[in-house]
Amino acid sequence: MNVGVAYATKFKQIWLKLEVPDGSTVREAIERSGLLKQFPEIDLEEQKIGIFGKLTNLDAALEDGARVEIYRHIIADPETVERRDRQEGDDDSDD
């Protein structure tokens, strides 16, 4: 069956299409994709994984056409960053 595996770094987005045997798991698809060798910073035990944007576990069975997504750690709360950016913009207008 055909599945996709997606991962994005700060600078690059990768979406690989590959064929896996029927009954393959999320972990097996990720391992077959080669992304773990290409991006050694990926830690499947720590990072969240999803299928079409919905969190899942590594042992979940895949269906034909599934898109497996490896999520990076969030290093900043998006609301905090937005608030900080807004405040910095206000400070600039005072100069």
N, C-alpha and C. Protein backbone atom coordinates (compact mmCIF):
# COMPACT_ATOMS: atom_id res chain seq x y z
N MET A 1 0.84 -1.18 0.00
CA MET A 1 0.00 0.00 0.00
C MET A 1 0.89 1.24 0.00
N ASN A 2 0.34 2.35 -0.44
CA ASN A 2 1.09 3.61 -0.54
C ASN A 2 0.75 4.51 0.62
N VAL A 3 1.79 5.09 1.23
CA VAL A 3 1.63 6.05 2.32
C VAL A 3 2.63 7.19 2.11
N GLY A 4 2.44 8.24 2.86
CA GLY A 4 3.38 9.35 2.84
C GLY A 4 3.94 9.54 4.24
N VAL A 5 5.15 10.04 4.33
CA VAL A 5 5.76 10.38 5.61
C VAL A 5 6.28 11.80 5.48
N ALA A 6 5.87 12.67 6.41
CA ALA A 6 6.23 14.09 6.33
C ALA A 6 6.99 14.52 7.58
N TYR A 7 7.97 15.41 7.34
CA TYR A 7 8.73 16.00 8.44
C TYR A 7 9.22 17.36 7.96
N ALA A 8 9.24 18.31 8.86
CA ALA A 8 9.72 19.65 8.50
C ALA A 8 10.72 20.14 9.53
N THR A 9 11.81 20.68 9.03
CA THR A 9 12.76 21.37 9.89
C THR A 9 12.44 22.86 9.79
N LYS A 10 13.24 23.64 10.42
CA LYS A 10 13.05 25.09 10.36
C LYS A 10 13.20 25.60 8.92
N PHE A 11 14.00 24.90 8.12
CA PHE A 11 14.34 25.38 6.79
C PHE A 11 13.85 24.52 5.64
N LYS A 12 13.34 23.33 5.93
CA LYS A 12 13.05 22.38 4.86
C LYS A 12 11.83 21.52 5.21
N GLN A 13 10.99 21.26 4.22
CA GLN A 13 9.86 20.36 4.40
C GLN A 13 10.05 19.15 3.50
N ILE A 14 9.83 17.98 4.06
CA ILE A 14 9.99 16.75 3.31
C ILE A 14 8.69 15.96 3.38
N TRP A 15 8.23 15.51 2.23
CA TRP A 15 7.08 14.62 2.20
C TRP A 15 7.44 13.52 1.21
N LEU A 16 7.68 12.33 1.76
CA LEU A 16 8.07 11.19 0.95
C LEU A 16 6.89 10.25 0.75
N LYS A 17 6.71 9.82 -0.48
CA LYS A 17 5.70 8.80 -0.75
C LYS A 17 6.44 7.47 -0.87
N LEU A 18 5.90 6.45 -0.22
CA LEU A 18 6.54 5.16 -0.30
C LEU A 18 5.52 4.03 -0.23
N GLU A 19 5.96 2.89 -0.66
CA GLU A 19 5.11 1.70 -0.60
C GLU A 19 5.56 0.86 0.59
N VAL A 20 4.58 0.45 1.38
CA VAL A 20 4.85 -0.40 2.55
C VAL A 20 3.94 -1.62 2.48
N PRO A 21 4.33 -2.72 3.11
CA PRO A 21 3.47 -3.90 3.11
C PRO A 21 2.15 -3.63 3.84
N ASP A 22 1.10 -4.30 3.42
CA ASP A 22 -0.18 -4.21 4.13
C ASP A 22 0.04 -4.56 5.59
N GLY A 23 -0.63 -3.84 6.48
CA GLY A 23 -0.51 -4.10 7.91
C GLY A 23 0.67 -3.39 8.57
N SER A 24 1.38 -2.56 7.82
CA SER A 24 2.52 -1.84 8.39
C SER A 24 2.06 -0.85 9.45
N THR A 25 2.95 -0.59 10.40
CA THR A 25 2.66 0.37 11.46
C THR A 25 3.28 1.72 11.12
N VAL A 26 2.92 2.71 11.90
CA VAL A 26 3.49 4.04 11.76
C VAL A 26 5.01 3.97 11.89
N ARG A 27 5.50 3.29 12.91
CA ARG A 27 6.95 3.16 13.12
C ARG A 27 7.63 2.54 11.90
N GLU A 28 7.06 1.48 11.37
CA GLU A 28 7.66 0.80 10.22
C GLU A 28 7.74 1.73 9.00
N ALA A 29 6.71 2.53 8.78
CA ALA A 29 6.72 3.45 7.65
C ALA A 29 7.80 4.51 7.84
N ILE A 30 7.92 5.03 9.05
CA ILE A 30 8.95 6.04 9.32
C ILE A 30 10.34 5.44 9.10
N GLU A 31 10.55 4.24 9.61
CA GLU A 31 11.86 3.59 9.45
C GLU A 31 12.16 3.34 7.98
N ARG A 32 11.18 2.89 7.20
CA ARG A 32 11.39 2.64 5.77
C ARG A 32 11.64 3.92 4.98
N SER A 33 11.14 5.03 5.48
CA SER A 33 11.26 6.30 4.75
C SER A 33 12.71 6.80 4.67
N GLY A 34 13.55 6.41 5.63
CA GLY A 34 14.92 6.88 5.66
C GLY A 34 15.10 8.22 6.37
N LEU A 35 14.00 8.79 6.87
CA LEU A 35 14.10 10.09 7.54
C LEU A 35 14.92 10.03 8.82
N LEU A 36 14.91 8.89 9.50
CA LEU A 36 15.68 8.79 10.74
C LEU A 36 17.18 8.89 10.49
N LYS A 37 17.63 8.41 9.34
CA LYS A 37 19.05 8.54 8.98
C LYS A 37 19.35 9.94 8.47
N GLN A 38 18.41 10.51 7.74
CA GLN A 38 18.61 11.84 7.17
C GLN A 38 18.55 12.93 8.24
N PHE A 39 17.73 12.70 9.28
CA PHE A 39 17.56 13.68 10.35
C PHE A 39 17.76 12.99 11.70
N PRO A 40 19.00 12.82 12.13
CA PRO A 40 19.28 12.09 13.37
C PRO A 40 18.69 12.75 14.61
N GLU A 41 18.27 14.01 14.51
CA GLU A 41 17.66 14.67 15.66
C GLU A 41 16.24 14.16 15.94
N ILE A 42 15.64 13.42 15.02
CA ILE A 42 14.31 12.87 15.26
C ILE A 42 14.41 11.83 16.36
N ASP A 43 13.58 11.96 17.38
CA ASP A 43 13.52 11.02 18.49
C ASP A 43 12.08 10.53 18.61
N LEU A 44 11.82 9.37 18.06
CA LEU A 44 10.45 8.85 18.02
C LEU A 44 9.87 8.60 19.41
N GLU A 45 10.71 8.44 20.39
CA GLU A 45 10.21 8.20 21.75
C GLU A 45 9.78 9.51 22.41
N GLU A 46 10.27 10.64 21.90
CA GLU A 46 9.96 11.94 22.50
C GLU A 46 9.00 12.78 21.67
N GLN A 47 9.13 12.71 20.35
CA GLN A 47 8.33 13.56 19.48
C GLN A 47 6.95 12.96 19.24
N LYS A 48 6.00 13.85 19.01
CA LYS A 48 4.64 13.42 18.72
C LYS A 48 4.53 13.06 17.25
N ILE A 49 3.64 12.10 16.98
CA ILE A 49 3.43 11.60 15.63
C ILE A 49 1.94 11.69 15.33
N GLY A 50 1.61 11.96 14.09
CA GLY A 50 0.20 12.03 13.72
C GLY A 50 -0.05 11.42 12.36
N ILE A 51 -1.33 11.20 12.08
CA ILE A 51 -1.78 10.79 10.76
C ILE A 51 -2.83 11.82 10.35
N PHE A 52 -2.55 12.54 9.27
CA PHE A 52 -3.44 13.61 8.80
C PHE A 52 -3.80 14.58 9.92
N GLY A 53 -2.82 14.97 10.73
CA GLY A 53 -3.02 15.98 11.75
C GLY A 53 -3.63 15.50 13.05
N LYS A 54 -3.89 14.21 13.17
CA LYS A 54 -4.47 13.66 14.40
C LYS A 54 -3.41 12.79 15.09
N LEU A 55 -3.13 13.09 16.36
CA LEU A 55 -2.09 12.34 17.08
C LEU A 55 -2.38 10.85 17.09
N THR A 56 -1.32 10.08 16.99
CA THR A 56 -1.43 8.63 16.99
C THR A 56 -0.19 8.05 17.67
N ASN A 57 -0.16 6.74 17.83
CA ASN A 57 1.03 6.11 18.42
C ASN A 57 1.80 5.35 17.34
N LEU A 58 3.00 4.98 17.68
CA LEU A 58 3.89 4.34 16.71
C LEU A 58 3.43 2.95 16.29
N ASP A 59 2.61 2.31 17.11
CA ASP A 59 2.15 0.96 16.80
C ASP A 59 0.84 0.93 16.02
N ALA A 60 0.31 2.09 15.69
CA ALA A 60 -0.95 2.16 14.95
C ALA A 60 -0.77 1.59 13.54
N ALA A 61 -1.74 0.81 13.11
CA ALA A 61 -1.71 0.25 11.76
C ALA A 61 -2.09 1.33 10.75
N LEU A 62 -1.45 1.29 9.62
CA LEU A 62 -1.70 2.28 8.57
C LEU A 62 -2.71 1.78 7.56
N GLU A 63 -3.41 2.73 6.97
CA GLU A 63 -4.31 2.43 5.86
C GLU A 63 -3.69 3.01 4.59
N ASP A 64 -4.08 2.46 3.46
CA ASP A 64 -3.58 2.95 2.18
C ASP A 64 -3.87 4.45 2.06
N GLY A 65 -2.87 5.21 1.65
CA GLY A 65 -3.04 6.64 1.44
C GLY A 65 -2.79 7.50 2.66
N ALA A 66 -2.46 6.90 3.80
CA ALA A 66 -2.24 7.66 5.04
C ALA A 66 -1.01 8.57 4.89
N ARG A 67 -1.07 9.72 5.56
CA ARG A 67 0.09 10.61 5.63
C ARG A 67 0.56 10.67 7.08
N VAL A 68 1.71 10.07 7.34
CA VAL A 68 2.31 10.06 8.67
C VAL A 68 3.09 11.36 8.83
N GLU A 69 2.90 12.02 9.97
CA GLU A 69 3.56 13.30 10.22
C GLU A 69 4.38 13.22 11.50
N ILE A 70 5.63 13.63 11.42
CA ILE A 70 6.51 13.68 12.58
C ILE A 70 6.57 15.14 13.00
N TYR A 71 6.14 15.43 14.22
CA TYR A 71 6.06 16.82 14.68
C TYR A 71 7.31 17.21 15.46
N ARG A 72 7.80 18.42 15.21
CA ARG A 72 8.92 18.96 15.97
C ARG A 72 8.41 19.49 17.30
N HIS A 73 9.32 19.62 18.26
CA HIS A 73 8.98 20.22 19.54
C HIS A 73 8.69 21.70 19.34
N ILE A 74 7.69 22.20 20.03
CA ILE A 74 7.43 23.63 20.01
C ILE A 74 8.39 24.26 21.02
N ILE A 75 9.16 25.23 20.56
CA ILE A 75 10.14 25.85 21.46
C ILE A 75 9.63 27.15 22.07
N ALA A 76 8.49 27.64 21.57
CA ALA A 76 7.89 28.85 22.13
C ALA A 76 6.38 28.75 22.02
N ASP A 77 5.69 29.23 23.00
CA ASP A 77 4.23 29.27 22.98
C ASP A 77 3.80 30.29 21.93
N PRO A 78 3.04 29.87 20.90
CA PRO A 78 2.66 30.81 19.83
C PRO A 78 1.94 32.05 20.35
N GLU A 79 1.15 31.94 21.40
CA GLU A 79 0.45 33.10 21.94
C GLU A 79 1.44 34.08 22.58
N THR A 80 2.45 33.55 23.25
CA THR A 80 3.46 34.40 23.87
C THR A 80 4.26 35.13 22.81
N VAL A 81 4.65 34.44 21.75
CA VAL A 81 5.43 35.05 20.68
C VAL A 81 4.61 36.15 20.02
N GLU A 82 3.33 35.87 19.74
CA GLU A 82 2.47 36.87 19.11
C GLU A 82 2.35 38.10 20.01
N ARG A 83 2.15 37.90 21.29
CA ARG A 83 2.02 39.00 22.24
C ARG A 83 3.32 39.81 22.30
N ARG A 84 4.46 39.12 22.33
CA ARG A 84 5.76 39.79 22.38
C ARG A 84 5.99 40.60 21.11
N ASP A 85 5.65 40.01 19.96
CA ASP A 85 5.83 40.71 18.70
C ASP A 85 4.97 41.97 18.65
N ARG A 86 3.76 41.88 19.15
CA ARG A 86 2.87 43.03 19.19
C ARG A 86 3.45 44.12 20.09
N GLN A 87 3.96 43.72 21.26
CA GLN A 87 4.54 44.69 22.19
C GLN A 87 5.78 45.34 21.59
N GLU A 88 6.61 44.57 20.92
CA GLU A 88 7.81 45.13 20.30
C GLU A 88 7.43 46.12 19.21
N GLY A 89 6.36 45.84 18.50
CA GLY A 89 5.87 46.75 17.47
C GLY A 89 5.41 48.06 18.07
N ASP A 90 4.75 47.99 19.25
CA ASP A 90 4.32 49.20 19.94
C ASP A 90 5.51 50.02 20.40
N ASP A 91 6.57 49.35 20.87
CA ASP A 91 7.76 50.05 21.34
C ASP A 91 8.44 50.80 20.20
N ASP A 92 8.43 50.20 19.00
CA ASP A 92 9.08 50.83 17.85
C ASP A 92 8.39 52.14 17.47
N SER A 93 7.09 52.24 17.68
CA SER A 93 6.35 53.43 17.25
C SER A 93 6.63 54.62 18.17
N ASP A 94 7.19 54.37 19.35
CA ASP A 94 7.49 55.43 20.29
C ASP A 94 8.79 56.15 19.97
N ASP A 95 9.62 55.55 19.09
CA ASP A 95 10.93 56.14 18.81
C ASP A 95 10.84 57.33 17.92
